[in-house]
Protein backbone atom coordinates (compact mmCIF):
# COMPACT_ATOMS: atom_id res chain seq x y z
CA MET A 1 20.80 101.54 68.28
CA ASN A 2 17.41 102.38 66.75
CA LYS A 3 15.98 98.87 66.59
CA PHE A 4 12.20 99.01 66.98
CA LYS A 5 12.35 102.81 67.06
CA ALA A 6 9.00 104.40 67.85
CA TYR A 7 7.77 107.96 68.35
CA LEU A 8 6.22 108.46 71.78
CA GLY A 9 5.18 112.10 71.44
CA ASP A 10 6.59 115.54 72.37
CA SER A 11 9.75 114.93 70.26
CA VAL A 12 10.57 111.77 72.29
CA TYR A 13 11.53 108.47 70.63
CA ALA A 14 12.15 105.04 72.13
CA SER A 15 14.35 102.27 70.74
CA PHE A 16 15.88 99.01 71.96
CA ASP A 17 19.44 97.75 71.60
CA GLY A 18 18.90 94.24 72.98
CA TYR A 19 19.47 95.33 76.58
CA HIS A 20 18.69 99.02 77.12
CA ILE A 21 15.57 100.93 76.19
CA TRP A 22 16.85 104.22 74.81
CA LEU A 23 14.87 107.44 75.06
CA THR A 24 16.00 110.25 72.76
CA THR A 25 14.74 113.71 71.96
CA GLU A 26 14.84 114.76 68.34
CA ASN A 27 13.35 117.93 66.95
CA GLY A 28 14.47 117.35 63.35
CA TYR A 29 16.61 120.49 63.07
CA PRO A 30 20.35 120.53 62.26
CA ASP A 31 21.20 121.98 65.69
CA ASP A 32 19.12 119.26 67.40
CA PRO A 33 20.63 118.58 70.88
CA ARG A 34 19.53 114.92 70.81
CA ASN A 35 19.50 114.05 74.48
CA GLN A 36 19.73 110.36 75.28
CA ILE A 37 18.78 108.23 78.29
CA ALA A 38 19.56 104.50 78.45
CA LEU A 39 17.20 102.53 80.73
CA GLU A 40 18.55 99.19 81.84
CA PRO A 41 15.89 96.56 82.66
CA SER A 42 15.82 97.28 86.40
CA VAL A 43 15.40 101.03 85.81
CA PHE A 44 12.64 100.41 83.27
CA GLU A 45 10.87 98.17 85.82
CA ALA A 46 11.21 100.95 88.43
CA LEU A 47 9.65 103.37 85.95
CA ILE A 48 6.69 101.00 85.48
CA ARG A 49 6.30 100.70 89.27
CA TYR A 50 6.37 104.48 89.53
CA GLN A 51 3.64 104.76 86.91
CA GLU A 52 1.52 102.28 88.88
CA HIS A 53 2.18 104.14 92.15
CA LEU A 54 1.33 107.46 90.52
CA GLY A 55 -1.94 106.06 89.21
CA GLU A 56 -2.84 104.83 92.70
CA GLN A 57 -2.02 108.20 94.26
CA LEU A 58 -4.06 110.10 91.67
CA LEU A 59 -7.04 107.80 92.31
CA LYS A 60 -6.75 108.46 96.05
CA GLU A 61 -6.73 112.20 95.42
CA LYS A 62 -9.90 111.97 93.34
CA LYS A 63 -11.68 110.06 96.14
CA LEU A 64 -10.88 112.74 98.75
């Protein structure tokens, strides 16, 4: 499951299994809770749209 694994920051890693993008948290300690979220393509696309929308909203706020 950790194909193309990359560190994103704040103890968050991303990897790809051929379909899902997996987000995991890893702090490196033995009692690490290792939370996992699997993003299917449509959910990942929705996340990208949200990021674009958020950017637009923040720009509007700056202009006010």
